[in-house]
Amino acid sequence: MDYDNKMIMDDIIIPKIMNYKNKIYDILTVDDSLIINRYDICLKRFKVVSIILYNNHPNCNPNTNEFCLPIYMKNQKIESIKNAIPLILSIYNIDNCYYSPWGLITYKKRDF
């Protein structure tokens, strides 16, 4: 990973939403191992290169702990997406993940 600066974030982020089979679910309960209490934002020239997590997340590579950032967030200036990062970390995209958190969360299909 090529970066020249790192922001250490100690926000507590509890997963809230899950996308599964193109349907939206509210996450009702979550195992403590899935609660984010630290992550690093790696920057190069003030642009986001990657996000490293220190806990489990279905959209995080288990070998590198690197979160799978959406394409539209990569290489964006930190000032423009800093507030969106906690939101994106609170969403599970189970349609495209490294593992499914079944047994670690309870959820309910969202009615619109």
N, C-alpha and C. Protein backbone atom coordinates (compact mmCIF):
# COMPACT_ATOMS: atom_id res chain seq x y z
N MET A 1 0.85 -1.17 0.00
CA MET A 1 0.00 0.00 0.00
C MET A 1 0.90 1.23 0.00
N ASP A 2 0.62 2.10 -0.90
CA ASP A 2 1.44 3.29 -1.08
C ASP A 2 0.70 4.52 -0.56
N TYR A 3 1.15 5.06 0.57
CA TYR A 3 0.54 6.26 1.13
C TYR A 3 1.60 7.08 1.84
N ASP A 4 1.33 8.37 2.04
CA ASP A 4 2.30 9.24 2.70
C ASP A 4 1.80 9.82 4.01
N ASN A 5 0.55 9.53 4.37
CA ASN A 5 -0.02 10.03 5.62
C ASN A 5 -1.14 9.09 6.04
N LYS A 6 -1.43 9.10 7.33
CA LYS A 6 -2.47 8.23 7.86
C LYS A 6 -3.24 8.98 8.93
N MET A 7 -4.56 8.92 8.85
CA MET A 7 -5.42 9.50 9.88
C MET A 7 -5.96 8.35 10.72
N ILE A 8 -5.72 8.39 12.02
CA ILE A 8 -6.22 7.36 12.92
C ILE A 8 -7.55 7.84 13.48
N MET A 9 -8.60 7.08 13.20
CA MET A 9 -9.96 7.46 13.60
C MET A 9 -10.43 6.53 14.71
N ASP A 10 -11.00 7.10 15.77
CA ASP A 10 -11.49 6.27 16.88
C ASP A 10 -13.00 6.36 17.03
N ASP A 11 -13.70 6.64 15.92
CA ASP A 11 -15.16 6.65 15.94
C ASP A 11 -15.68 5.26 16.27
N ILE A 12 -16.78 5.20 16.98
CA ILE A 12 -17.47 3.93 17.19
C ILE A 12 -18.58 3.86 16.16
N ILE A 13 -18.51 2.81 15.33
CA ILE A 13 -19.47 2.65 14.24
C ILE A 13 -20.16 1.31 14.41
N ILE A 14 -21.46 1.36 14.56
CA ILE A 14 -22.27 0.16 14.69
C ILE A 14 -22.98 -0.08 13.36
N PRO A 15 -22.81 -1.25 12.76
CA PRO A 15 -23.47 -1.53 11.48
C PRO A 15 -24.98 -1.35 11.59
N LYS A 16 -25.56 -0.70 10.57
CA LYS A 16 -26.98 -0.36 10.62
C LYS A 16 -27.79 -0.90 9.46
N ILE A 17 -27.15 -1.07 8.29
CA ILE A 17 -27.88 -1.44 7.09
C ILE A 17 -27.14 -2.56 6.37
N MET A 18 -27.92 -3.45 5.76
CA MET A 18 -27.35 -4.53 4.98
C MET A 18 -28.04 -4.58 3.62
N ASN A 19 -27.25 -4.70 2.57
CA ASN A 19 -27.76 -4.93 1.23
C ASN A 19 -27.53 -6.40 0.91
N TYR A 20 -28.61 -7.13 0.62
CA TYR A 20 -28.50 -8.56 0.35
C TYR A 20 -29.52 -8.93 -0.73
N LYS A 21 -29.04 -9.50 -1.81
CA LYS A 21 -29.88 -9.87 -2.95
C LYS A 21 -30.72 -8.69 -3.42
N ASN A 22 -30.04 -7.54 -3.49
CA ASN A 22 -30.65 -6.29 -3.97
C ASN A 22 -31.85 -5.85 -3.14
N LYS A 23 -31.88 -6.23 -1.88
CA LYS A 23 -32.90 -5.77 -0.95
C LYS A 23 -32.19 -5.11 0.23
N ILE A 24 -32.86 -4.17 0.87
CA ILE A 24 -32.28 -3.44 2.00
C ILE A 24 -32.85 -4.00 3.30
N TYR A 25 -31.97 -4.24 4.26
CA TYR A 25 -32.33 -4.75 5.57
C TYR A 25 -31.78 -3.82 6.64
N ASP A 26 -32.55 -3.62 7.70
CA ASP A 26 -32.05 -2.93 8.88
C ASP A 26 -31.38 -3.95 9.77
N ILE A 27 -30.18 -3.65 10.24
CA ILE A 27 -29.49 -4.52 11.19
C ILE A 27 -29.99 -4.16 12.58
N LEU A 28 -30.55 -5.14 13.27
CA LEU A 28 -31.16 -4.89 14.58
C LEU A 28 -30.19 -5.10 15.73
N THR A 29 -29.42 -6.18 15.68
CA THR A 29 -28.40 -6.45 16.70
C THR A 29 -27.13 -6.91 16.00
N VAL A 30 -26.03 -6.70 16.66
CA VAL A 30 -24.73 -7.03 16.07
C VAL A 30 -23.79 -7.53 17.16
N ASP A 31 -23.01 -8.53 16.85
CA ASP A 31 -22.00 -9.04 17.76
C ASP A 31 -20.93 -7.97 17.98
N ASP A 32 -20.39 -7.93 19.18
CA ASP A 32 -19.37 -6.92 19.51
C ASP A 32 -18.17 -6.95 18.57
N SER A 33 -17.86 -8.13 18.01
CA SER A 33 -16.69 -8.24 17.12
C SER A 33 -16.87 -7.45 15.83
N LEU A 34 -18.10 -7.05 15.53
CA LEU A 34 -18.39 -6.30 14.30
C LEU A 34 -18.51 -4.80 14.53
N ILE A 35 -18.40 -4.37 15.77
CA ILE A 35 -18.48 -2.94 16.07
C ILE A 35 -17.11 -2.31 15.82
N ILE A 36 -17.09 -1.31 14.97
CA ILE A 36 -15.82 -0.65 14.61
C ILE A 36 -15.50 0.39 15.68
N ASN A 37 -14.29 0.31 16.23
CA ASN A 37 -13.88 1.30 17.22
C ASN A 37 -12.54 1.96 16.85
N ARG A 38 -12.00 1.56 15.71
CA ARG A 38 -10.79 2.22 15.19
C ARG A 38 -10.63 1.85 13.74
N TYR A 39 -10.24 2.83 12.95
CA TYR A 39 -9.86 2.58 11.57
C TYR A 39 -8.87 3.65 11.14
N ASP A 40 -8.08 3.32 10.17
CA ASP A 40 -7.08 4.26 9.64
C ASP A 40 -7.47 4.64 8.22
N ILE A 41 -7.38 5.91 7.93
CA ILE A 41 -7.58 6.40 6.57
C ILE A 41 -6.20 6.69 6.00
N CYS A 42 -5.80 5.95 5.00
CA CYS A 42 -4.49 6.12 4.38
C CYS A 42 -4.60 7.10 3.22
N LEU A 43 -3.72 8.07 3.21
CA LEU A 43 -3.79 9.17 2.24
C LEU A 43 -2.50 9.27 1.44
N LYS A 44 -2.66 9.75 0.24
CA LYS A 44 -1.51 10.13 -0.58
C LYS A 44 -1.86 11.47 -1.19
N ARG A 45 -1.08 12.49 -0.83
CA ARG A 45 -1.34 13.86 -1.28
C ARG A 45 -2.76 14.30 -0.93
N PHE A 46 -3.17 13.97 0.29
CA PHE A 46 -4.47 14.35 0.84
C PHE A 46 -5.65 13.67 0.15
N LYS A 47 -5.38 12.63 -0.62
CA LYS A 47 -6.45 11.86 -1.26
C LYS A 47 -6.51 10.47 -0.63
N VAL A 48 -7.72 9.94 -0.49
CA VAL A 48 -7.92 8.65 0.15
C VAL A 48 -7.42 7.53 -0.76
N VAL A 49 -6.51 6.73 -0.20
CA VAL A 49 -5.97 5.58 -0.92
C VAL A 49 -6.65 4.30 -0.43
N SER A 50 -6.81 4.19 0.89
CA SER A 50 -7.45 3.00 1.46
C SER A 50 -7.90 3.28 2.89
N ILE A 51 -8.70 2.35 3.39
CA ILE A 51 -9.14 2.38 4.79
C ILE A 51 -8.80 1.03 5.39
N ILE A 52 -8.13 1.05 6.52
CA ILE A 52 -7.74 -0.17 7.22
C ILE A 52 -8.58 -0.29 8.49
N LEU A 53 -9.22 -1.44 8.67
CA LEU A 53 -10.04 -1.68 9.85
C LEU A 53 -9.30 -2.58 10.85
N TYR A 54 -9.69 -2.49 12.10
CA TYR A 54 -9.08 -3.29 13.17
C TYR A 54 -10.09 -4.24 13.79
N ASN A 55 -11.10 -4.59 13.02
CA ASN A 55 -12.11 -5.56 13.47
C ASN A 55 -12.67 -6.23 12.23
N ASN A 56 -13.64 -7.11 12.42
CA ASN A 56 -14.25 -7.83 11.31
C ASN A 56 -15.28 -6.97 10.59
N HIS A 57 -15.34 -7.12 9.30
CA HIS A 57 -16.34 -6.45 8.45
C HIS A 57 -16.46 -7.30 7.18
N PRO A 58 -17.69 -7.63 6.77
CA PRO A 58 -17.85 -8.47 5.57
C PRO A 58 -17.19 -7.90 4.31
N ASN A 59 -17.05 -6.58 4.23
CA ASN A 59 -16.48 -5.95 3.05
C ASN A 59 -15.03 -5.53 3.26
N CYS A 60 -14.36 -6.24 4.14
CA CYS A 60 -12.96 -5.98 4.46
C CYS A 60 -12.15 -7.23 4.16
N ASN A 61 -11.06 -7.08 3.41
CA ASN A 61 -10.20 -8.20 3.09
C ASN A 61 -9.62 -8.78 4.38
N PRO A 62 -9.90 -10.04 4.71
CA PRO A 62 -9.41 -10.60 5.98
C PRO A 62 -7.89 -10.76 6.03
N ASN A 63 -7.22 -10.77 4.89
CA ASN A 63 -5.76 -10.91 4.87
C ASN A 63 -5.04 -9.59 5.08
N THR A 64 -5.62 -8.50 4.59
CA THR A 64 -4.95 -7.19 4.66
C THR A 64 -5.67 -6.20 5.57
N ASN A 65 -6.90 -6.52 5.98
CA ASN A 65 -7.77 -5.63 6.77
C ASN A 65 -8.16 -4.38 5.99
N GLU A 66 -7.97 -4.39 4.68
CA GLU A 66 -8.33 -3.24 3.86
C GLU A 66 -9.81 -3.31 3.49
N PHE A 67 -10.52 -2.22 3.77
CA PHE A 67 -11.93 -2.10 3.43
C PHE A 67 -12.07 -1.88 1.93
N CYS A 68 -13.07 -2.50 1.33
CA CYS A 68 -13.32 -2.34 -0.11
C CYS A 68 -14.06 -1.04 -0.35
N LEU A 69 -13.31 -0.02 -0.61
CA LEU A 69 -13.90 1.30 -0.89
C LEU A 69 -14.62 1.29 -2.23
N PRO A 70 -15.78 1.92 -2.29
CA PRO A 70 -16.42 2.08 -3.59
C PRO A 70 -15.51 2.90 -4.51
N ILE A 71 -15.56 2.60 -5.78
CA ILE A 71 -14.71 3.28 -6.77
C ILE A 71 -14.83 4.80 -6.67
N TYR A 72 -16.05 5.29 -6.48
CA TYR A 72 -16.25 6.75 -6.47
C TYR A 72 -15.59 7.43 -5.27
N MET A 73 -15.17 6.66 -4.26
CA MET A 73 -14.51 7.26 -3.09
C MET A 73 -12.98 7.23 -3.20
N LYS A 74 -12.45 6.35 -4.01
CA LYS A 74 -11.00 6.24 -4.13
C LYS A 74 -10.42 7.47 -4.80
N ASN A 75 -9.29 7.89 -4.28
CA ASN A 75 -8.54 9.03 -4.80
C ASN A 75 -9.30 10.35 -4.72
N GLN A 76 -10.28 10.42 -3.83
CA GLN A 76 -10.98 11.68 -3.57
C GLN A 76 -10.26 12.41 -2.44
N LYS A 77 -10.30 13.72 -2.46
CA LYS A 77 -9.70 14.49 -1.37
C LYS A 77 -10.45 14.16 -0.08
N ILE A 78 -9.71 13.99 0.99
CA ILE A 78 -10.28 13.59 2.27
C ILE A 78 -11.37 14.56 2.73
N GLU A 79 -11.19 15.84 2.48
CA GLU A 79 -12.18 16.83 2.92
C GLU A 79 -13.55 16.58 2.29
N SER A 80 -13.58 16.06 1.08
CA SER A 80 -14.84 15.89 0.38
C SER A 80 -15.60 14.63 0.77
N ILE A 81 -14.91 13.64 1.37
CA ILE A 81 -15.61 12.39 1.71
C ILE A 81 -15.46 11.97 3.17
N LYS A 82 -14.75 12.76 3.97
CA LYS A 82 -14.49 12.36 5.35
C LYS A 82 -15.78 12.05 6.12
N ASN A 83 -16.81 12.85 5.95
CA ASN A 83 -18.07 12.61 6.67
C ASN A 83 -18.84 11.42 6.15
N ALA A 84 -18.58 10.99 4.93
CA ALA A 84 -19.27 9.84 4.35
C ALA A 84 -18.65 8.51 4.77
N ILE A 85 -17.42 8.52 5.22
CA ILE A 85 -16.73 7.27 5.55
C ILE A 85 -17.43 6.51 6.68
N PRO A 86 -17.79 7.14 7.80
CA PRO A 86 -18.50 6.36 8.83
C PRO A 86 -19.81 5.76 8.31
N LEU A 87 -20.50 6.47 7.43
CA LEU A 87 -21.74 5.95 6.87
C LEU A 87 -21.47 4.70 6.03
N ILE A 88 -20.49 4.75 5.16
CA ILE A 88 -20.21 3.61 4.30
C ILE A 88 -19.72 2.41 5.12
N LEU A 89 -19.02 2.67 6.23
CA LEU A 89 -18.57 1.58 7.08
C LEU A 89 -19.72 0.93 7.86
N SER A 90 -20.83 1.64 7.99
CA SER A 90 -21.98 1.10 8.74
C SER A 90 -22.92 0.29 7.85
N ILE A 91 -22.55 0.12 6.58
CA ILE A 91 -23.38 -0.62 5.62
C ILE A 91 -22.64 -1.89 5.20
N TYR A 92 -23.37 -3.01 5.22
CA TYR A 92 -22.82 -4.28 4.73
C TYR A 92 -23.38 -4.55 3.35
N ASN A 93 -22.51 -4.77 2.38
CA ASN A 93 -22.92 -5.18 1.05
C ASN A 93 -22.66 -6.69 0.94
N ILE A 94 -23.66 -7.48 1.28
CA ILE A 94 -23.49 -8.92 1.31
C ILE A 94 -23.47 -9.51 -0.10
N ASP A 95 -23.97 -8.77 -1.08
CA ASP A 95 -23.92 -9.25 -2.46
C ASP A 95 -22.50 -9.29 -3.01
N ASN A 96 -21.58 -8.61 -2.35
CA ASN A 96 -20.19 -8.56 -2.81
C ASN A 96 -19.29 -8.45 -1.57
N CYS A 97 -19.07 -9.60 -0.91
CA CYS A 97 -18.34 -9.56 0.36
C CYS A 97 -17.37 -10.73 0.47
N TYR A 98 -16.51 -10.66 1.47
CA TYR A 98 -15.55 -11.73 1.74
C TYR A 98 -16.18 -12.85 2.56
N TYR A 99 -17.11 -12.51 3.43
CA TYR A 99 -17.82 -13.51 4.22
C TYR A 99 -19.17 -12.93 4.64
N SER A 100 -20.09 -13.80 4.98
CA SER A 100 -21.41 -13.37 5.44
C SER A 100 -21.46 -13.44 6.96
N PRO A 101 -22.02 -12.43 7.61
CA PRO A 101 -22.02 -12.38 9.08
C PRO A 101 -23.19 -13.13 9.73
N TRP A 102 -23.70 -14.16 9.06
CA TRP A 102 -24.85 -14.89 9.62
C TRP A 102 -24.48 -15.44 10.99
N GLY A 103 -25.39 -15.29 11.92
CA GLY A 103 -25.17 -15.71 13.30
C GLY A 103 -24.56 -14.61 14.16
N LEU A 104 -24.04 -13.57 13.54
CA LEU A 104 -23.44 -12.46 14.28
C LEU A 104 -24.33 -11.22 14.27
N ILE A 105 -25.36 -11.24 13.44
CA ILE A 105 -26.30 -10.12 13.35
C ILE A 105 -27.72 -10.65 13.29
N THR A 106 -28.67 -9.79 13.69
CA THR A 106 -30.07 -10.04 13.38
C THR A 106 -30.52 -8.86 12.53
N TYR A 107 -31.48 -9.11 11.66
CA TYR A 107 -31.87 -8.10 10.70
C TYR A 107 -33.32 -8.28 10.30
N LYS A 108 -33.87 -7.23 9.69
CA LYS A 108 -35.24 -7.24 9.25
C LYS A 108 -35.32 -6.48 7.93
N LYS A 109 -36.07 -7.05 6.97
CA LYS A 109 -36.22 -6.39 5.67
C LYS A 109 -36.91 -5.04 5.88
N ARG A 110 -36.35 -4.05 5.23
CA ARG A 110 -36.90 -2.69 5.35
C ARG A 110 -38.14 -2.55 4.46
N ASP A 111 -39.19 -2.00 5.04
CA ASP A 111 -40.40 -1.69 4.30
C ASP A 111 -40.34 -0.24 3.87
N PHE A 112 -40.49 0.00 2.60
CA PHE A 112 -40.45 1.39 2.10
C PHE A 112 -41.81 1.92 1.90
